[in-house]
C-alpha atoms as a PDB file:
ATOM      1  CA  MET A   1      -0.367  -0.133  -0.114  1.00  0.00           C
ATOM      2  CA  GLU A   2       3.263   2.600  -0.324  1.00  0.00           C
ATOM      3  CA  PRO A   3       3.052   5.039  -2.630  1.00  0.00           C
ATOM      4  CA  CYS A   4       5.215   5.253  -5.740  1.00  0.00           C
ATOM      5  CA  SER A   5       8.008   6.987  -6.271  1.00  0.00           C
ATOM      6  CA  ILE A   6      11.226   7.548  -8.579  1.00  0.00           C
ATOM      7  CA  GLU A   7      13.052   5.093  -6.815  1.00  0.00           C
ATOM      8  CA  LYS A   8      10.724   1.832  -6.322  1.00  0.00           C
ATOM      9  CA  LEU A   9      10.870  -0.216  -9.005  1.00  0.00           C
ATOM     10  CA  SER A  10      11.227  -4.096  -8.604  1.00  0.00           C
ATOM     11  CA  ILE A  11      12.930  -6.062 -10.555  1.00  0.00           C
ATOM     12  CA  LEU A  12      12.001  -9.243 -11.307  1.00  0.00           C
ATOM     13  CA  TYR A  13      14.416 -10.529 -14.382  1.00  0.00           C
ATOM     14  CA  GLN A  14      16.679  -9.228 -15.764  1.00  0.00           C
ATOM     15  CA  SER A  15      18.851 -10.346 -19.087  1.00  0.00           C
ATOM     16  CA  ALA A  16      20.997  -8.917 -21.474  1.00  0.00           C
ATOM     17  CA  ASP A  17      18.063  -8.357 -23.509  1.00  0.00           C
ATOM     18  CA  PHE A  18      15.305  -8.016 -21.075  1.00  0.00           C
ATOM     19  CA  LEU A  19      13.897  -6.228 -17.828  1.00  0.00           C
ATOM     20  CA  VAL A  20      10.960  -7.567 -16.087  1.00  0.00           C
ATOM     21  CA  VAL A  21       9.690  -5.075 -13.737  1.00  0.00           C
ATOM     22  CA  ASN A  22       7.052  -5.496 -11.138  1.00  0.00           C
ATOM     23  CA  LYS A  23       4.782  -2.343 -11.940  1.00  0.00           C
ATOM     24  CA  HIS A  24       3.258   0.156  -9.293  1.00  0.00           C
ATOM     25  CA  TRP A  25      -0.228   0.832  -9.661  1.00  0.00           C
ATOM     26  CA  ASP A  26      -1.622   3.864 -10.988  1.00  0.00           C
ATOM     27  CA  ILE A  27       1.355   4.662 -13.019  1.00  0.00           C
ATOM     28  CA  ARG A  28       1.564   5.228 -16.217  1.00  0.00           C
ATOM     29  CA  ILE A  29       4.372   3.126 -18.255  1.00  0.00           C
ATOM     30  CA  ASP A  30       4.893   6.213 -20.701  1.00  0.00           C
ATOM     31  CA  SER A  31       3.819   9.884 -20.988  1.00  0.00           C
ATOM     32  CA  LYS A  32       4.031  12.863 -23.593  1.00  0.00           C
ATOM     33  CA  MET A  33       2.407  14.821 -21.405  1.00  0.00           C
ATOM     34  CA  TRP A  34       5.078  17.643 -19.779  1.00  0.00           C
ATOM     35  CA  TYR A  35       3.266  17.133 -16.132  1.00  0.00           C
ATOM     36  CA  GLU A  36       3.985  13.960 -15.967  1.00  0.00           C
ATOM     37  CA  LYS A  37       6.750  13.376 -14.177  1.00  0.00           C
ATOM     38  CA  LEU A  38       6.887   9.943 -12.525  1.00  0.00           C
ATOM     39  CA  THR A  39       6.486   6.641 -15.555  1.00  0.00           C
ATOM     40  CA  VAL A  40       7.508   3.456 -15.736  1.00  0.00           C
ATOM     41  CA  GLN A  41      10.459   4.997 -18.510  1.00  0.00           C
ATOM     42  CA  SER A  42      11.440   7.981 -16.055  1.00  0.00           C
ATOM     43  CA  GLN A  43      11.413   5.122 -13.078  1.00  0.00           C
ATOM     44  CA  LEU A  44      14.172   2.609 -15.665  1.00  0.00           C
ATOM     45  CA  LYS A  45      16.177   6.238 -16.749  1.00  0.00           C
ATOM     46  CA  HIS A  46      16.558   6.599 -13.345  1.00  0.00           C
ATOM     47  CA  ARG A  47      17.784   3.448 -12.189  1.00  0.00           C
ATOM     48  CA  PHE A  48      19.276   2.050 -15.251  1.00  0.00           C
ATOM     49  CA  PRO A  49      20.088   5.370 -17.278  1.00  0.00           C
ATOM     50  CA  GLU A  50      22.846   3.213 -19.425  1.00  0.00           C
ATOM     51  CA  LEU A  51      20.391   0.930 -20.816  1.00  0.00           C
ATOM     52  CA  ALA A  52      17.991   4.121 -22.443  1.00  0.00           C
ATOM     53  CA  ASP A  53      17.964   3.612 -26.118  1.00  0.00           C
ATOM     54  CA  PRO A  54      18.383   7.184 -27.645  1.00  0.00           C
ATOM     55  CA  GLY A  55      17.289   5.795 -31.071  1.00  0.00           C
ATOM     56  CA  THR A  56      14.121   5.537 -29.225  1.00  0.00           C
ATOM     57  CA  TYR A  57      11.193   8.316 -28.581  1.00  0.00           C
ATOM     58  CA  TYR A  58      11.155   6.884 -24.953  1.00  0.00           C
ATOM     59  CA  GLY A  59      14.434   5.082 -23.957  1.00  0.00           C
ATOM     60  CA  PHE A  60      12.923   1.899 -23.339  1.00  0.00           C
ATOM     61  CA  ARG A  61      10.995  -0.420 -25.677  1.00  0.00           C
ATOM     62  CA  PHE A  62       8.102  -2.091 -23.652  1.00  0.00           C
ATOM     63  CA  CYS A  63       7.165  -5.460 -25.630  1.00  0.00           C
ATOM     64  CA  HIS A  64       3.253  -5.037 -23.876  1.00  0.00           C
ATOM     65  CA  GLN A  65       1.446  -2.705 -21.864  1.00  0.00           C
ATOM     66  CA  LEU A  66      -0.897  -2.480 -18.648  1.00  0.00           C
ATOM     67  CA  ASP A  67      -3.267  -0.376 -17.698  1.00  0.00           C
ATOM     68  CA  PHE A  68      -2.358   2.521 -15.829  1.00  0.00           C
ATOM     69  CA  SER A  69      -4.472   1.064 -12.891  1.00  0.00           C
ATOM     70  CA  THR A  70      -2.925  -2.386 -13.087  1.00  0.00           C
ATOM     71  CA  SER A  71      -0.085  -3.598 -11.880  1.00  0.00           C
ATOM     72  CA  GLY A  72       2.575  -6.785 -12.276  1.00  0.00           C
ATOM     73  CA  ALA A  73       4.864  -8.632 -14.364  1.00  0.00           C
ATOM     74  CA  LEU A  74       5.843  -5.813 -17.143  1.00  0.00           C
ATOM     75  CA  CYS A  75       8.438  -7.137 -19.405  1.00  0.00           C
ATOM     76  CA  VAL A  76      11.208  -4.701 -21.499  1.00  0.00           C
ATOM     77  CA  ALA A  77      13.337  -4.848 -24.232  1.00  0.00           C
ATOM     78  CA  LEU A  78      17.140  -3.797 -24.276  1.00  0.00           C
ATOM     79  CA  ASN A  79      17.998  -3.639 -27.481  1.00  0.00           C
ATOM     80  CA  LYS A  80      15.470  -4.058 -30.811  1.00  0.00           C
ATOM     81  CA  GLU A  81      16.473  -7.238 -31.727  1.00  0.00           C
ATOM     82  CA  ALA A  82      15.010  -8.606 -28.236  1.00  0.00           C
ATOM     83  CA  ALA A  83      12.028  -6.474 -29.453  1.00  0.00           C
ATOM     84  CA  GLY A  84      11.754  -8.387 -32.598  1.00  0.00           C
ATOM     85  CA  ARG A  85      11.575 -12.150 -30.547  1.00  0.00           C
ATOM     86  CA  ALA A  86       8.946 -10.397 -27.682  1.00  0.00           C
ATOM     87  CA  TYR A  87       6.509  -9.430 -31.162  1.00  0.00           C
ATOM     88  CA  GLN A  88       7.308 -12.918 -32.583  1.00  0.00           C
ATOM     89  CA  CYS A  89       5.960 -14.300 -29.464  1.00  0.00           C
ATOM     90  CA  PHE A  90       3.061 -12.152 -29.199  1.00  0.00           C
ATOM     91  CA  LYS A  91       2.062 -12.242 -33.244  1.00  0.00           C
ATOM     92  CA  ASP A  92       2.231 -16.477 -33.153  1.00  0.00           C
ATOM     93  CA  ARG A  93      -0.095 -16.501 -29.275  1.00  0.00           C
ATOM     94  CA  THR A  94       2.271 -18.321 -27.855  1.00  0.00           C
ATOM     95  CA  VAL A  95       3.404 -15.893 -24.910  1.00  0.00           C
ATOM     96  CA  THR A  96       0.562 -16.666 -21.555  1.00  0.00           C
ATOM     97  CA  LYS A  97       0.132 -14.435 -18.610  1.00  0.00           C
ATOM     98  CA  ALA A  98      -2.811 -14.717 -15.866  1.00  0.00           C
ATOM     99  CA  TYR A  99      -4.097 -12.456 -13.573  1.00  0.00           C
ATOM    100  CA  LEU A 100      -5.110 -12.010 -10.214  1.00  0.00           C
ATOM    101  CA  ALA A 101      -8.105 -10.160  -8.891  1.00  0.00           C
ATOM    102  CA  LEU A 102     -10.381  -9.364  -6.021  1.00  0.00           C
ATOM    103  CA  VAL A 103     -14.222  -9.020  -7.738  1.00  0.00           C
ATOM    104  CA  ARG A 104     -17.149  -8.157  -5.698  1.00  0.00           C
ATOM    105  CA  GLY A 105     -19.572 -10.362  -4.683  1.00  0.00           C
ATOM    106  CA  THR A 106     -19.280 -14.223  -4.802  1.00  0.00           C
ATOM    107  CA  VAL A 107     -18.390 -16.759  -7.563  1.00  0.00           C
ATOM    108  CA  SER A 108     -20.397 -19.850  -7.200  1.00  0.00           C
ATOM    109  CA  GLU A 109     -18.277 -21.180 -10.788  1.00  0.00           C
ATOM    110  CA  LYS A 110     -15.216 -23.240  -9.028  1.00  0.00           C
ATOM    111  CA  TYR A 111     -13.986 -22.155 -13.103  1.00  0.00           C
ATOM    112  CA  MET A 112     -15.459 -20.990 -16.017  1.00  0.00           C
ATOM    113  CA  ARG A 113     -14.453 -19.581 -19.428  1.00  0.00           C
ATOM    114  CA  ILE A 114     -16.135 -16.202 -20.276  1.00  0.00           C
ATOM    115  CA  SER A 115     -16.603 -15.641 -23.763  1.00  0.00           C
ATOM    116  CA  LEU A 116     -18.685 -12.659 -24.810  1.00  0.00           C
ATOM    117  CA  ALA A 117     -17.790 -10.383 -27.666  1.00  0.00           C
ATOM    118  CA  ILE A 118     -16.397  -7.021 -26.646  1.00  0.00           C
ATOM    119  CA  GLY A 119     -16.936  -3.659 -28.615  1.00  0.00           C
ATOM    120  CA  LYS A 120     -16.557   0.206 -28.344  1.00  0.00           C
ATOM    121  CA  ASN A 121     -18.593   1.684 -26.027  1.00  0.00           C
ATOM    122  CA  THR A 122     -20.771   4.731 -28.244  1.00  0.00           C
ATOM    123  CA  GLN A 123     -22.562   6.002 -26.283  1.00  0.00           C
ATOM    124  CA  GLU A 124     -22.387   9.769 -24.875  1.00  0.00           C
ATOM    125  CA  GLY A 125     -20.060  10.138 -21.842  1.00  0.00           C
ATOM    126  CA  LEU A 126     -19.132   6.448 -22.078  1.00  0.00           C
ATOM    127  CA  THR A 127     -17.023   6.323 -25.385  1.00  0.00           C
ATOM    128  CA  HIS A 128     -13.624   5.501 -23.647  1.00  0.00           C
ATOM    129  CA  MET A 129     -15.066   2.219 -22.551  1.00  0.00           C
ATOM    130  CA  MET A 130     -15.568  -1.096 -23.792  1.00  0.00           C
ATOM    131  CA  CYS A 131     -18.513  -2.765 -23.550  1.00  0.00           C
ATOM    132  CA  VAL A 132     -20.029  -6.615 -24.288  1.00  0.00           C
ATOM    133  CA  GLU A 133     -21.684  -7.369 -27.594  1.00  0.00           C
ATOM    134  CA  GLY A 134     -25.511  -6.387 -27.226  1.00  0.00           C
ATOM    135  CA  ALA A 135     -24.912  -3.709 -24.378  1.00  0.00           C
ATOM    136  CA  PRO A 136     -26.939  -0.719 -25.853  1.00  0.00           C
ATOM    137  CA  GLY A 137     -24.148   1.325 -27.927  1.00  0.00           C
ATOM    138  CA  CYS A 138     -22.034  -1.613 -28.664  1.00  0.00           C
ATOM    139  CA  LYS A 139     -19.844  -1.731 -31.865  1.00  0.00           C
ATOM    140  CA  ASN A 140     -17.470  -3.496 -33.719  1.00  0.00           C
ATOM    141  CA  ALA A 141     -17.524  -6.346 -30.569  1.00  0.00           C
ATOM    142  CA  LYS A 142     -14.713  -8.797 -31.138  1.00  0.00           C
ATOM    143  CA  SER A 143     -14.465 -12.759 -30.076  1.00  0.00           C
ATOM    144  CA  CYS A 144     -13.179 -12.855 -26.749  1.00  0.00           C
ATOM    145  CA  GLN A 145     -12.086 -15.277 -24.089  1.00  0.00           C
ATOM    146  CA  THR A 146     -11.418 -15.251 -20.552  1.00  0.00           C
ATOM    147  CA  ASP A 147     -10.477 -18.612 -18.187  1.00  0.00           C
ATOM    148  CA  LEU A 148     -11.688 -18.119 -15.041  1.00  0.00           C
ATOM    149  CA  VAL A 149     -10.621 -19.753 -11.586  1.00  0.00           C
ATOM    150  CA  VAL A 150     -12.036 -18.927  -7.754  1.00  0.00           C
ATOM    151  CA  LEU A 151      -9.605 -19.447  -5.610  1.00  0.00           C
ATOM    152  CA  GLN A 152     -10.880 -18.282  -2.241  1.00  0.00           C
ATOM    153  CA  HIS A 153     -14.530 -16.399  -1.130  1.00  0.00           C
ATOM    154  CA  GLY A 154     -13.921 -13.475   1.283  1.00  0.00           C
ATOM    155  CA  SER A 155     -14.390 -10.133   2.060  1.00  0.00           C
ATOM    156  CA  TYR A 156     -12.748  -6.252   1.826  1.00  0.00           C
ATOM    157  CA  LYS A 157     -13.964  -3.872   4.591  1.00  0.00           C
ATOM    158  CA  GLY A 158     -17.330  -7.078   5.604  1.00  0.00           C
ATOM    159  CA  ASP A 159     -18.742  -7.086   1.878  1.00  0.00           C
ATOM    160  CA  PRO A 160     -18.280 -10.500  -0.195  1.00  0.00           C
ATOM    161  CA  VAL A 161     -15.264 -10.147  -2.315  1.00  0.00           C
ATOM    162  CA  THR A 162     -14.310 -13.259  -4.919  1.00  0.00           C
ATOM    163  CA  LYS A 163     -10.067 -13.654  -4.871  1.00  0.00           C
ATOM    164  CA  VAL A 164      -9.678 -15.397  -8.532  1.00  0.00           C
ATOM    165  CA  LEU A 165      -7.288 -16.042 -11.233  1.00  0.00           C
ATOM    166  CA  LEU A 166      -7.945 -15.100 -14.810  1.00  0.00           C
ATOM    167  CA  GLN A 167      -6.066 -15.893 -17.743  1.00  0.00           C
ATOM    168  CA  PRO A 168      -7.307 -13.916 -20.549  1.00  0.00           C
ATOM    169  CA  LEU A 169      -6.881 -16.288 -24.126  1.00  0.00           C
ATOM    170  CA  THR A 170      -7.316 -13.418 -26.254  1.00  0.00           C
ATOM    171  CA  GLY A 171      -6.384  -9.634 -26.056  1.00  0.00           C
ATOM    172  CA  ARG A 172      -9.106  -7.091 -25.837  1.00  0.00           C
ATOM    173  CA  THR A 173      -8.884  -3.380 -24.725  1.00  0.00           C
ATOM    174  CA  HIS A 174     -10.144  -3.541 -20.586  1.00  0.00           C
ATOM    175  CA  GLN A 175     -11.039  -7.268 -21.411  1.00  0.00           C
ATOM    176  CA  LEU A 176     -10.999  -8.781 -17.771  1.00  0.00           C
ATOM    177  CA  ARG A 177     -12.291  -5.035 -16.515  1.00  0.00           C
ATOM    178  CA  VAL A 178     -15.240  -6.484 -18.412  1.00  0.00           C
ATOM    179  CA  HIS A 179     -15.985  -9.884 -18.557  1.00  0.00           C
ATOM    180  CA  CYS A 180     -15.739  -9.369 -14.818  1.00  0.00           C
ATOM    181  CA  SER A 181     -18.538  -6.539 -14.379  1.00  0.00           C
ATOM    182  CA  ALA A 182     -20.780  -7.887 -17.465  1.00  0.00           C
ATOM    183  CA  LEU A 183     -20.954 -11.009 -15.221  1.00  0.00           C
ATOM    184  CA  GLY A 184     -21.888  -9.214 -12.697  1.00  0.00           C
ATOM    185  CA  PHE A 185     -18.550  -9.117 -10.296  1.00  0.00           C
ATOM    186  CA  PRO A 186     -17.122  -6.067 -11.078  1.00  0.00           C
ATOM    187  CA  ILE A 187     -13.076  -5.789 -10.129  1.00  0.00           C
ATOM    188  CA  VAL A 188     -13.126  -4.058  -6.699  1.00  0.00           C
ATOM    189  CA  GLY A 189     -11.863  -0.322  -6.866  1.00  0.00           C
ATOM    190  CA  ASP A 190     -13.087  -0.711 -10.617  1.00  0.00           C
ATOM    191  CA  PHE A 191     -13.863   3.090 -10.749  1.00  0.00           C
ATOM    192  CA  THR A 192     -14.607   3.047 -14.324  1.00  0.00           C
ATOM    193  CA  TYR A 193     -16.487  -0.318 -15.049  1.00  0.00           C
ATOM    194  CA  SER A 194     -18.328   0.354 -11.569  1.00  0.00           C
ATOM    195  CA  TYR A 195     -19.569   3.345 -13.438  1.00  0.00           C
ATOM    196  CA  LYS A 196     -17.991   5.617 -11.033  1.00  0.00           C
ATOM    197  CA  LYS A 197     -19.923   3.555  -7.760  1.00  0.00           C
ATOM    198  CA  ASP A 198     -16.883   1.506  -6.310  1.00  0.00           C
ATOM    199  CA  SER A 199     -14.261   4.371  -5.316  1.00  0.00           C
ATOM    200  CA  GLU A 200     -13.212   3.611  -1.478  1.00  0.00           C
ATOM    201  CA  PRO A 201     -10.312   0.842  -2.646  1.00  0.00           C
ATOM    202  CA  TYR A 202      -7.056   2.858  -2.909  1.00  0.00           C
ATOM    203  CA  ARG A 203      -6.853   0.986  -6.243  1.00  0.00           C
ATOM    204  CA  MET A 204      -8.084  -1.173  -8.766  1.00  0.00           C
ATOM    205  CA  MET A 205      -7.481  -5.289  -7.388  1.00  0.00           C
ATOM    206  CA  LEU A 206      -6.449  -6.419 -10.742  1.00  0.00           C
ATOM    207  CA  HIS A 207      -2.190  -7.532 -10.542  1.00  0.00           C
ATOM    208  CA  ALA A 208      -0.665  -8.887 -13.931  1.00  0.00           C
ATOM    209  CA  TYR A 209       0.985 -12.301 -11.789  1.00  0.00           C
ATOM    210  CA  TYR A 210       2.300 -14.506 -14.100  1.00  0.00           C
ATOM    211  CA  LEU A 211       3.932 -13.822 -17.645  1.00  0.00           C
ATOM    212  CA  ARG A 212       5.711 -16.328 -19.874  1.00  0.00           C
ATOM    213  CA  ILE A 213       7.329 -15.201 -22.911  1.00  0.00           C
ATOM    214  CA  PRO A 214       9.051 -18.528 -24.932  1.00  0.00           C
ATOM    215  CA  THR A 215      11.288 -16.818 -27.349  1.00  0.00           C
ATOM    216  CA  ASP A 216      13.802 -18.328 -29.524  1.00  0.00           C
ATOM    217  CA  HIS A 217      16.902 -17.222 -27.844  1.00  0.00           C
ATOM    218  CA  GLU A 218      15.745 -17.789 -23.509  1.00  0.00           C
ATOM    219  CA  LEU A 219      12.819 -18.586 -21.816  1.00  0.00           C
ATOM    220  CA  ILE A 220      11.226 -15.365 -19.743  1.00  0.00           C
ATOM    221  CA  GLU A 221       8.583 -16.840 -17.010  1.00  0.00           C
ATOM    222  CA  VAL A 222       8.183 -14.805 -13.918  1.00  0.00           C
ATOM    223  CA  THR A 223       5.769 -14.239 -11.179  1.00  0.00           C
ATOM    224  CA  ALA A 224       5.397 -10.916  -9.585  1.00  0.00           C
ATOM    225  CA  PRO A 225       4.330 -11.310  -6.258  1.00  0.00           C
ATOM    226  CA  ASP A 226       1.018 -11.694  -4.954  1.00  0.00           C
ATOM    227  CA  PRO A 227      -0.244  -8.368  -2.882  1.00  0.00           C
ATOM    228  CA  PHE A 228      -3.882  -9.105  -2.389  1.00  0.00           C
ATOM    229  CA  GLN A 229      -3.047 -10.928   0.870  1.00  0.00           C
ATOM    230  CA  PRO A 230      -3.947  -9.817   4.876  1.00  0.00           C
ATOM    231  CA  ASP A 231      -0.882  -8.799   5.550  1.00  0.00           C
ATOM    232  CA  THR A 232      -0.567  -6.331   2.852  1.00  0.00           C
ATOM    233  CA  ASP A 233      -4.382  -5.298   2.735  1.00  0.00           C
ATOM    234  CA  PRO A 234      -5.514  -5.862   6.268  1.00  0.00           C
ATOM    235  CA  ASN A 235      -9.085  -4.771   4.785  1.00  0.00           C
ATOM    236  CA  TRP A 236      -9.082  -8.458   2.900  1.00  0.00           C
ATOM    237  CA  THR A 237     -10.414 -11.514   4.696  1.00  0.00           C
ATOM    238  CA  PRO A 238     -10.078 -14.891   2.569  1.00  0.00           C
ATOM    239  CA  HIS A 239     -13.340 -17.148   4.640  1.00  0.00           C
ATOM    240  CA  ASP A 240     -12.833 -20.285   1.945  1.00  0.00           C
ATOM    241  CA  THR A 241     -10.041 -21.539  -0.182  1.00  0.00           C
ATOM    242  CA  LEU A 242     -11.498 -23.371  -2.653  1.00  0.00           C
ATOM    243  CA  CYS A 243      -8.412 -23.854  -4.777  1.00  0.00           C
ATOM    244  CA  SER A 244      -4.843 -23.366  -4.134  1.00  0.00           C
ATOM    245  CA  LEU A 245      -3.123 -20.404  -6.122  1.00  0.00           C
ATOM    246  CA  SER A 246       0.133 -23.580  -6.624  1.00  0.00           C
ATOM    247  CA  LYS A 247      -2.426 -25.661  -7.491  1.00  0.00           C
ATOM    248  CA  ALA A 248      -4.145 -23.365 -10.828  1.00  0.00           C
ATOM    249  CA  MET A 249      -0.930 -22.014 -11.537  1.00  0.00           C
ATOM    250  CA  ALA A 250       0.648 -26.023 -11.528  1.00  0.00           C
ATOM    251  CA  ASP A 251      -2.570 -26.068 -14.362  1.00  0.00           C
ATOM    252  CA  LEU A 252      -2.652 -23.435 -15.808  1.00  0.00           C
ATOM    253  CA  THR A 253       1.608 -23.817 -16.847  1.00  0.00           C
ATOM    254  CA  ALA A 254       0.731 -27.012 -17.692  1.00  0.00           C
ATOM    255  CA  SER A 255      -1.220 -26.757 -20.197  1.00  0.00           C
ATOM    256  CA  ALA A 256       0.866 -23.301 -21.678  1.00  0.00           C
ATOM    257  CA  LYS A 257       3.737 -26.277 -22.084  1.00  0.00           C
ATOM    258  CA  ALA A 258       1.474 -28.349 -23.839  1.00  0.00           C
ATOM    259  CA  SER A 259       0.162 -26.408 -26.182  1.00  0.00           C
ATOM    260  CA  GLU A 260       3.737 -25.027 -26.633  1.00  0.00           C
ATOM    261  CA  ARG A 261       5.262 -28.445 -27.471  1.00  0.00           C
ATOM    262  CA  ASN A 262       2.141 -29.318 -29.916  1.00  0.00           C
ATOM    263  CA  ARG A 263       2.618 -26.065 -31.561  1.00  0.00           C
ATOM    264  CA  GLN A 264       7.021 -27.325 -32.384  1.00  0.00           C
ATOM    265  CA  ASN A 265       5.498 -30.394 -33.367  1.00  0.00           C
ATOM    266  CA  SER A 266       3.656 -28.963 -35.535  1.00  0.00           C
ATOM    267  CA  GLU A 267       5.736 -26.828 -37.564  1.00  0.00           C
ATOM    268  CA  LEU A 268       8.224 -29.484 -37.691  1.00  0.00           C
ATOM    269  CA  VAL A 269       5.630 -31.791 -39.849  1.00  0.00           C
ATOM    270  CA  LYS A 270       5.244 -28.761 -41.742  1.00  0.00           C
ATOM    271  CA  ALA A 271       8.668 -28.277 -42.447  1.00  0.00           C
ATOM    272  CA  GLU A 272       9.314 -31.211 -43.158  1.00  0.00           C
ATOM    273  CA  THR A 273       6.500 -32.401 -45.366  1.00  0.00           C
ATOM    274  CA  LYS A 274       6.833 -28.698 -47.261  1.00  0.00           C
ATOM    275  CA  PRO A 275       9.345 -27.198 -49.515  1.00  0.00           C
ATOM    276  CA  SER A 276      11.372 -24.228 -48.201  1.00  0.00           C
ATOM    277  CA  SER A 277      10.548 -20.173 -49.485  1.00  0.00           C
ATOM    278  CA  SER A 278      10.663 -17.463 -48.533  1.00  0.00           C
ATOM    279  CA  TYR A 279       8.091 -15.281 -46.169  1.00  0.00           C
ATOM    280  CA  ASN A 280       7.697 -12.169 -46.093  1.00  0.00           C
ATOM    281  CA  GLU A 281       5.310 -10.357 -44.474  1.00  0.00           C
ATOM    282  CA  THR A 282       3.404  -7.759 -46.525  1.00  0.00           C
ATOM    283  CA  GLU A 283       1.932  -3.960 -44.641  1.00  0.00           C
ATOM    284  CA  GLU A 284      -1.542  -5.310 -44.011  1.00  0.00           C
ATOM    285  CA  GLN A 285      -0.873  -8.022 -42.053  1.00  0.00           C
ATOM    286  CA  ARG A 286       1.426  -6.286 -40.364  1.00  0.00           C
ATOM    287  CA  ALA A 287      -0.450  -3.794 -39.489  1.00  0.00           C
ATOM    288  CA  VAL A 288      -3.279  -6.506 -38.751  1.00  0.00           C
ATOM    289  CA  CYS A 289      -0.811  -7.586 -36.059  1.00  0.00           C
ATOM    290  CA  GLN A 290       0.250  -4.553 -34.675  1.00  0.00           C
ATOM    291  CA  GLN A 291      -3.884  -3.346 -34.036  1.00  0.00           C
ATOM    292  CA  TRP A 292      -4.170  -7.161 -32.102  1.00  0.00           C
ATOM    293  CA  LEU A 293      -0.613  -6.473 -30.202  1.00  0.00           C
ATOM    294  CA  ALA A 294      -2.128  -2.213 -28.750  1.00  0.00           C
ATOM    295  CA  GLU A 295      -5.913  -4.135 -27.885  1.00  0.00           C
ATOM    296  CA  TRP A 296      -3.795  -7.265 -25.706  1.00  0.00           C
ATOM    297  CA  ALA A 297      -2.401  -4.212 -24.057  1.00  0.00           C
ATOM    298  CA  PHE A 298      -4.529  -3.163 -21.617  1.00  0.00           C
ATOM    299  CA  GLU A 299      -6.726  -5.918 -19.722  1.00  0.00           C
END
């Protein structure tokens, strides 16, 4: 619950090519606004001035994004080649992410796959938001899926809440926040998707807990410490544990690794059965992928 500062930057992983930081809540990754002095980019420049690349606008290449209000694992490439390798993983959809959240209410199902398409909200005054298909003003909805595992039932300041593990299987703007809100279980402290009702908590309770990026040169696999613990926030009181975090993560990582092996085997079969040929990505294909990467960013 400590406030952020220029010096307060936790490093989860470091190599010659990548850094993974534990982003604080309520801080932007970067900003072009002169008055926003405290960003992850400024923290990195303060901590690692020798690693900043003057050839980039911000000095560092962020491999993906996290919302202003979301904390947790954020990967930074330290050179152009490393950024390209991470980009390829996002393009091939081999990246695995998992988030921890406290949501309002008691989620009765132990597991659910949420398959609600998400589009832009075009209603006046709500154009900064996303919404599920069929909601008033919803436009250009795209299919998306989120896996939800219930970890604990408990209370936050006496009100019923549920601690969940969320895995986005697709990447749409505000996907996790919209999916939880649409089911009637908005994330604790989500001022936007509680329609300005949930303003009392000191932060939005969404945390990027796990990140796995299997690049060709190195495997990046990190967890950012769970901030939703009673000793960290005494307002949160767990009552019943339905699934341990270690068990849920063991299942998730086993599935991710199995998918990775299947993809590698499939690529080997294709390589053996097809003659080699060069492939150049078209500008249109690259633009589509860049748009997907941008949407993946904001859970």
